[in-house]
């Protein structure tokens, strides 16, 4: 068994996990779950599902990269 999720650390960007997830969704149409949805220890992380096609993952990663560049 396994899961199709990653839980990246987003703390260096200075946003709460909710702020990060909402801004990512609004800016790039990429949905992710704020780590805070998984309890206090999830804050500062983002839950991303990759149970989709490689092409859709590539598109999402390009959009995430573009979003991260606006935070730099």
PDB file of N, CA and C in Angstrom:
ATOM      1  N   UNK A   1       0.808  -1.192   0.000  1.00  0.00           N
ATOM      2  CA  UNK A   1       0.000   0.000   0.000  1.00  0.00           C
ATOM      3  C   UNK A   1       0.848   1.251   0.000  1.00  0.00           C
ATOM      4  N   UNK A   2       0.238   2.283  -0.428  1.00  0.00           N
ATOM      5  CA  UNK A   2       0.899   3.577  -0.441  1.00  0.00           C
ATOM      6  C   UNK A   2      -0.108   4.665  -0.728  1.00  0.00           C
ATOM      7  N   UNK A   3       0.359   5.840  -0.751  1.00  0.00           N
ATOM      8  CA  UNK A   3      -0.502   6.987  -1.005  1.00  0.00           C
ATOM      9  C   UNK A   3       0.067   7.815  -2.144  1.00  0.00           C
ATOM     10  N   UNK A   4      -0.792   8.608  -2.726  1.00  0.00           N
ATOM     11  CA  UNK A   4      -0.395   9.464  -3.834  1.00  0.00           C
ATOM     12  C   UNK A   4      -0.377  10.921  -3.387  1.00  0.00           C
ATOM     13  N   UNK A   5       0.391  11.189  -2.337  1.00  0.00           N
ATOM     14  CA  UNK A   5       0.447  12.531  -1.780  1.00  0.00           C
ATOM     15  C   UNK A   5       1.885  12.915  -1.460  1.00  0.00           C
ATOM     16  N   UNK A   6       2.135  14.214  -1.540  1.00  0.00           N
ATOM     17  CA  UNK A   6       3.371  14.784  -1.013  1.00  0.00           C
ATOM     18  C   UNK A   6       2.954  15.843   0.003  1.00  0.00           C
ATOM     19  N   UNK A   7       3.834  16.143   0.921  1.00  0.00           N
ATOM     20  CA  UNK A   7       3.534  17.065   2.019  1.00  0.00           C
ATOM     21  C   UNK A   7       4.703  18.041   2.152  1.00  0.00           C
ATOM     22  N   UNK A   8       4.876  18.938   1.143  1.00  0.00           N
ATOM     23  CA  UNK A   8       6.047  19.811   1.167  1.00  0.00           C
ATOM     24  C   UNK A   8       5.990  20.872   2.267  1.00  0.00           C
ATOM     25  N   UNK A   9       7.153  21.230   2.736  1.00  0.00           N
ATOM     26  CA  UNK A   9       7.340  22.267   3.749  1.00  0.00           C
ATOM     27  C   UNK A   9       7.316  23.626   3.044  1.00  0.00           C
ATOM     28  N   UNK A  10       6.387  24.494   3.413  1.00  0.00           N
ATOM     29  CA  UNK A  10       6.265  25.808   2.786  1.00  0.00           C
ATOM     30  C   UNK A  10       6.590  26.942   3.762  1.00  0.00           C
ATOM     31  N   UNK A  11       7.127  26.626   4.915  1.00  0.00           N
ATOM     32  CA  UNK A  11       7.345  27.629   5.956  1.00  0.00           C
ATOM     33  C   UNK A  11       8.224  28.780   5.521  1.00  0.00           C
ATOM     34  N   UNK A  12       9.175  28.529   4.635  1.00  0.00           N
ATOM     35  CA  UNK A  12      10.112  29.590   4.248  1.00  0.00           C
ATOM     36  C   UNK A  12       9.442  30.715   3.464  1.00  0.00           C
ATOM     37  N   UNK A  13       8.214  30.505   3.022  1.00  0.00           N
ATOM     38  CA  UNK A  13       7.532  31.528   2.234  1.00  0.00           C
ATOM     39  C   UNK A  13       6.761  32.528   3.093  1.00  0.00           C
ATOM     40  N   UNK A  14       6.692  32.291   4.399  1.00  0.00           N
ATOM     41  CA  UNK A  14       6.114  33.262   5.317  1.00  0.00           C
ATOM     42  C   UNK A  14       4.598  33.378   5.269  1.00  0.00           C
ATOM     43  N   UNK A  15       3.934  32.376   4.724  1.00  0.00           N
ATOM     44  CA  UNK A  15       2.476  32.353   4.680  1.00  0.00           C
ATOM     45  C   UNK A  15       1.976  31.185   5.509  1.00  0.00           C
ATOM     46  N   UNK A  16       0.771  31.313   6.033  1.00  0.00           N
ATOM     47  CA  UNK A  16       0.178  30.143   6.664  1.00  0.00           C
ATOM     48  C   UNK A  16      -0.145  29.143   5.565  1.00  0.00           C
ATOM     49  N   UNK A  17      -0.381  27.923   5.942  1.00  0.00           N
ATOM     50  CA  UNK A  17      -0.710  26.925   4.924  1.00  0.00           C
ATOM     51  C   UNK A  17      -2.033  27.264   4.231  1.00  0.00           C
ATOM     52  N   UNK A  18      -2.975  27.852   4.949  1.00  0.00           N
ATOM     53  CA  UNK A  18      -4.243  28.268   4.347  1.00  0.00           C
ATOM     54  C   UNK A  18      -4.017  29.412   3.355  1.00  0.00           C
ATOM     55  N   UNK A  19      -3.236  30.393   3.748  1.00  0.00           N
ATOM     56  CA  UNK A  19      -2.938  31.509   2.844  1.00  0.00           C
ATOM     57  C   UNK A  19      -2.254  31.011   1.575  1.00  0.00           C
ATOM     58  N   UNK A  20      -1.283  30.132   1.748  1.00  0.00           N
ATOM     59  CA  UNK A  20      -0.545  29.597   0.612  1.00  0.00           C
ATOM     60  C   UNK A  20      -1.485  28.844  -0.325  1.00  0.00           C
ATOM     61  N   UNK A  21      -2.300  27.961   0.230  1.00  0.00           N
ATOM     62  CA  UNK A  21      -3.207  27.157  -0.592  1.00  0.00           C
ATOM     63  C   UNK A  21      -4.206  28.034  -1.338  1.00  0.00           C
ATOM     64  N   UNK A  22      -4.756  29.027  -0.668  1.00  0.00           N
ATOM     65  CA  UNK A  22      -5.739  29.899  -1.308  1.00  0.00           C
ATOM     66  C   UNK A  22      -5.104  30.760  -2.396  1.00  0.00           C
ATOM     67  N   UNK A  23      -3.926  31.294  -2.129  1.00  0.00           N
ATOM     68  CA  UNK A  23      -3.251  32.117  -3.131  1.00  0.00           C
ATOM     69  C   UNK A  23      -2.843  31.280  -4.342  1.00  0.00           C
ATOM     70  N   UNK A  24      -2.377  30.064  -4.107  1.00  0.00           N
ATOM     71  CA  UNK A  24      -2.015  29.166  -5.204  1.00  0.00           C
ATOM     72  C   UNK A  24      -3.239  28.860  -6.063  1.00  0.00           C
ATOM     73  N   UNK A  25      -4.351  28.587  -5.419  1.00  0.00           N
ATOM     74  CA  UNK A  25      -5.586  28.300  -6.145  1.00  0.00           C
ATOM     75  C   UNK A  25      -6.039  29.507  -6.962  1.00  0.00           C
ATOM     76  N   UNK A  26      -6.049  30.667  -6.344  1.00  0.00           N
ATOM     77  CA  UNK A  26      -6.511  31.872  -7.025  1.00  0.00           C
ATOM     78  C   UNK A  26      -5.575  32.298  -8.159  1.00  0.00           C
ATOM     79  N   UNK A  27      -4.278  32.173  -7.949  1.00  0.00           N
ATOM     80  CA  UNK A  27      -3.306  32.635  -8.942  1.00  0.00           C
ATOM     81  C   UNK A  27      -3.113  31.651 -10.085  1.00  0.00           C
ATOM     82  N   UNK A  28      -3.122  30.348  -9.774  1.00  0.00           N
ATOM     83  CA  UNK A  28      -2.715  29.366 -10.778  1.00  0.00           C
ATOM     84  C   UNK A  28      -3.697  28.214 -10.983  1.00  0.00           C
ATOM     85  N   UNK A  29      -4.844  28.262 -10.328  1.00  0.00           N
ATOM     86  CA  UNK A  29      -5.835  27.179 -10.450  1.00  0.00           C
ATOM     87  C   UNK A  29      -5.280  25.808 -10.075  1.00  0.00           C
ATOM     88  N   UNK A  30      -4.419  25.797  -9.070  1.00  0.00           N
ATOM     89  CA  UNK A  30      -3.873  24.542  -8.542  1.00  0.00           C
ATOM     90  C   UNK A  30      -4.414  24.376  -7.130  1.00  0.00           C
ATOM     91  N   UNK A  31      -5.135  23.293  -6.916  1.00  0.00           N
ATOM     92  CA  UNK A  31      -5.728  23.042  -5.607  1.00  0.00           C
ATOM     93  C   UNK A  31      -4.820  22.153  -4.771  1.00  0.00           C
ATOM     94  N   UNK A  32      -4.674  22.530  -3.516  1.00  0.00           N
ATOM     95  CA  UNK A  32      -3.928  21.734  -2.539  1.00  0.00           C
ATOM     96  C   UNK A  32      -4.612  21.943  -1.192  1.00  0.00           C
ATOM     97  N   UNK A  33      -4.355  21.056  -0.278  1.00  0.00           N
ATOM     98  CA  UNK A  33      -4.985  21.139   1.040  1.00  0.00           C
ATOM     99  C   UNK A  33      -3.983  21.746   2.022  1.00  0.00           C
ATOM    100  N   UNK A  34      -4.395  22.783   2.752  1.00  0.00           N
ATOM    101  CA  UNK A  34      -3.491  23.345   3.756  1.00  0.00           C
ATOM    102  C   UNK A  34      -3.149  22.295   4.805  1.00  0.00           C
ATOM    103  N   UNK A  35      -1.894  22.257   5.195  1.00  0.00           N
ATOM    104  CA  UNK A  35      -1.480  21.296   6.210  1.00  0.00           C
ATOM    105  C   UNK A  35      -2.222  21.448   7.515  1.00  0.00           C
ATOM    106  N   UNK A  36      -2.691  22.655   7.799  1.00  0.00           N
ATOM    107  CA  UNK A  36      -3.419  22.888   9.043  1.00  0.00           C
ATOM    108  C   UNK A  36      -4.694  22.056   9.122  1.00  0.00           C
ATOM    109  N   UNK A  37      -5.199  21.577   7.995  1.00  0.00           N
ATOM    110  CA  UNK A  37      -6.388  20.718   7.999  1.00  0.00           C
ATOM    111  C   UNK A  37      -6.107  19.379   8.678  1.00  0.00           C
ATOM    112  N   UNK A  38      -4.839  19.074   8.885  1.00  0.00           N
ATOM    113  CA  UNK A  38      -4.445  17.801   9.493  1.00  0.00           C
ATOM    114  C   UNK A  38      -3.971  17.978  10.938  1.00  0.00           C
ATOM    115  N   UNK A  39      -4.289  19.120  11.499  1.00  0.00           N
ATOM    116  CA  UNK A  39      -3.925  19.376  12.885  1.00  0.00           C
ATOM    117  C   UNK A  39      -2.825  20.403  13.008  1.00  0.00           C
ATOM    118  N   UNK A  40      -2.571  20.764  14.233  1.00  0.00           N
ATOM    119  CA  UNK A  40      -1.593  21.805  14.543  1.00  0.00           C
ATOM    120  C   UNK A  40      -0.215  21.519  13.961  1.00  0.00           C
ATOM    121  N   UNK A  41       0.217  20.273  13.990  1.00  0.00           N
ATOM    122  CA  UNK A  41       1.558  19.944  13.496  1.00  0.00           C
ATOM    123  C   UNK A  41       1.639  19.987  11.971  1.00  0.00           C
ATOM    124  N   UNK A  42       0.495  20.091  11.281  1.00  0.00           N
ATOM    125  CA  UNK A  42       0.500  20.199   9.827  1.00  0.00           C
ATOM    126  C   UNK A  42       0.711  21.611   9.319  1.00  0.00           C
ATOM    127  N   UNK A  43       0.591  22.600  10.222  1.00  0.00           N
ATOM    128  CA  UNK A  43       0.782  23.983   9.807  1.00  0.00           C
ATOM    129  C   UNK A  43       2.187  24.164   9.239  1.00  0.00           C
ATOM    130  N   UNK A  44       2.276  24.890   8.131  1.00  0.00           N
ATOM    131  CA  UNK A  44       3.566  25.106   7.476  1.00  0.00           C
ATOM    132  C   UNK A  44       3.829  24.101   6.368  1.00  0.00           C
ATOM    133  N   UNK A  45       2.858  23.243   6.112  1.00  0.00           N
ATOM    134  CA  UNK A  45       2.979  22.240   5.060  1.00  0.00           C
ATOM    135  C   UNK A  45       1.753  22.309   4.160  1.00  0.00           C
ATOM    136  N   UNK A  46       1.849  21.667   3.023  1.00  0.00           N
ATOM    137  CA  UNK A  46       0.771  21.638   2.045  1.00  0.00           C
ATOM    138  C   UNK A  46       0.605  20.198   1.590  1.00  0.00           C
ATOM    139  N   UNK A  47      -0.609  19.728   1.499  1.00  0.00           N
ATOM    140  CA  UNK A  47      -0.844  18.356   1.016  1.00  0.00           C
ATOM    141  C   UNK A  47      -1.241  18.415  -0.450  1.00  0.00           C
ATOM    142  N   UNK A  48      -0.452  17.751  -1.272  1.00  0.00           N
ATOM    143  CA  UNK A  48      -0.680  17.725  -2.718  1.00  0.00           C
ATOM    144  C   UNK A  48      -0.869  16.279  -3.167  1.00  0.00           C
ATOM    145  N   UNK A  49      -1.893  16.064  -3.952  1.00  0.00           N
ATOM    146  CA  UNK A  49      -2.175  14.738  -4.490  1.00  0.00           C
ATOM    147  C   UNK A  49      -1.614  14.641  -5.905  1.00  0.00           C
ATOM    148  N   UNK A  50      -0.960  13.524  -6.206  1.00  0.00           N
ATOM    149  CA  UNK A  50      -0.444  13.335  -7.559  1.00  0.00           C
ATOM    150  C   UNK A  50      -1.025  12.080  -8.224  1.00  0.00           C
ATOM    151  N   UNK A  51      -2.267  11.760  -7.885  1.00  0.00           N
ATOM    152  CA  UNK A  51      -2.954  10.607  -8.487  1.00  0.00           C
ATOM    153  C   UNK A  51      -3.645  11.054  -9.775  1.00  0.00           C
ATOM    154  N   UNK A  52      -2.840  11.396 -10.764  1.00  0.00           N
ATOM    155  CA  UNK A  52      -3.345  11.866 -12.057  1.00  0.00           C
ATOM    156  C   UNK A  52      -2.296  11.555 -13.118  1.00  0.00           C
ATOM    157  N   UNK A  53      -2.524  12.009 -14.313  1.00  0.00           N
ATOM    158  CA  UNK A  53      -1.585  11.721 -15.409  1.00  0.00           C
ATOM    159  C   UNK A  53      -0.288  12.509 -15.245  1.00  0.00           C
ATOM    160  N   UNK A  54       0.753  11.993 -15.829  1.00  0.00           N
ATOM    161  CA  UNK A  54       2.055  12.677 -15.812  1.00  0.00           C
ATOM    162  C   UNK A  54       1.925  14.062 -16.432  1.00  0.00           C
ATOM    163  N   UNK A  55       1.162  14.185 -17.504  1.00  0.00           N
ATOM    164  CA  UNK A  55       0.995  15.482 -18.161  1.00  0.00           C
ATOM    165  C   UNK A  55       0.322  16.489 -17.227  1.00  0.00           C
ATOM    166  N   UNK A  56      -0.704  16.074 -16.503  1.00  0.00           N
ATOM    167  CA  UNK A  56      -1.357  16.984 -15.560  1.00  0.00           C
ATOM    168  C   UNK A  56      -0.430  17.357 -14.409  1.00  0.00           C
ATOM    169  N   UNK A  57       0.396  16.434 -13.986  1.00  0.00           N
ATOM    170  CA  UNK A  57       1.381  16.734 -12.940  1.00  0.00           C
ATOM    171  C   UNK A  57       2.379  17.769 -13.452  1.00  0.00           C
ATOM    172  N   UNK A  58       2.833  17.616 -14.686  1.00  0.00           N
ATOM    173  CA  UNK A  58       3.772  18.593 -15.269  1.00  0.00           C
ATOM    174  C   UNK A  58       3.156  19.983 -15.330  1.00  0.00           C
ATOM    175  N   UNK A  59       1.916  20.061 -15.769  1.00  0.00           N
ATOM    176  CA  UNK A  59       1.226  21.356 -15.838  1.00  0.00           C
ATOM    177  C   UNK A  59       1.134  21.970 -14.443  1.00  0.00           C
ATOM    178  N   UNK A  60       0.730  21.177 -13.468  1.00  0.00           N
ATOM    179  CA  UNK A  60       0.611  21.681 -12.096  1.00  0.00           C
ATOM    180  C   UNK A  60       1.954  22.150 -11.562  1.00  0.00           C
ATOM    181  N   UNK A  61       3.009  21.394 -11.818  1.00  0.00           N
ATOM    182  CA  UNK A  61       4.334  21.789 -11.330  1.00  0.00           C
ATOM    183  C   UNK A  61       4.807  23.078 -11.989  1.00  0.00           C
ATOM    184  N   UNK A  62       4.517  23.255 -13.278  1.00  0.00           N
ATOM    185  CA  UNK A  62       4.865  24.509 -13.955  1.00  0.00           C
ATOM    186  C   UNK A  62       4.126  25.679 -13.312  1.00  0.00           C
ATOM    187  N   UNK A  63       2.852  25.463 -12.995  1.00  0.00           N
ATOM    188  CA  UNK A  63       2.066  26.526 -12.362  1.00  0.00           C
ATOM    189  C   UNK A  63       2.555  26.821 -10.959  1.00  0.00           C
ATOM    190  N   UNK A  64       2.905  25.783 -10.213  1.00  0.00           N
ATOM    191  CA  UNK A  64       3.443  25.981  -8.860  1.00  0.00           C
ATOM    192  C   UNK A  64       4.758  26.737  -8.932  1.00  0.00           C
ATOM    193  N   UNK A  65       5.603  26.371  -9.876  1.00  0.00           N
ATOM    194  CA  UNK A  65       6.883  27.074 -10.035  1.00  0.00           C
ATOM    195  C   UNK A  65       6.651  28.563 -10.320  1.00  0.00           C
ATOM    196  N   UNK A  66       5.727  28.860 -11.208  1.00  0.00           N
ATOM    197  CA  UNK A  66       5.413  30.247 -11.547  1.00  0.00           C
ATOM    198  C   UNK A  66       4.901  30.991 -10.301  1.00  0.00           C
ATOM    199  N   UNK A  67       4.051  30.329  -9.526  1.00  0.00           N
ATOM    200  CA  UNK A  67       3.546  30.931  -8.296  1.00  0.00           C
ATOM    201  C   UNK A  67       4.673  31.203  -7.299  1.00  0.00           C
ATOM    202  N   UNK A  68       5.563  30.234  -7.136  1.00  0.00           N
ATOM    203  CA  UNK A  68       6.670  30.406  -6.179  1.00  0.00           C
ATOM    204  C   UNK A  68       7.570  31.565  -6.573  1.00  0.00           C
ATOM    205  N   UNK A  69       7.715  31.796  -7.859  1.00  0.00           N
ATOM    206  CA  UNK A  69       8.541  32.918  -8.324  1.00  0.00           C
ATOM    207  C   UNK A  69       7.950  34.262  -7.883  1.00  0.00           C
ATOM    208  N   UNK A  70       6.634  34.331  -7.729  1.00  0.00           N
ATOM    209  CA  UNK A  70       6.023  35.573  -7.263  1.00  0.00           C
ATOM    210  C   UNK A  70       6.258  35.789  -5.780  1.00  0.00           C
ATOM    211  N   UNK A  71       6.602  34.738  -5.061  1.00  0.00           N
ATOM    212  CA  UNK A  71       6.855  34.835  -3.619  1.00  0.00           C
ATOM    213  C   UNK A  71       8.311  35.128  -3.304  1.00  0.00           C
ATOM    214  N   UNK A  72       9.173  34.928  -4.272  1.00  0.00           N
ATOM    215  CA  UNK A  72      10.628  35.081  -4.039  1.00  0.00           C
ATOM    216  C   UNK A  72      11.027  36.527  -3.797  1.00  0.00           C
TER     217      UNK A  72
END
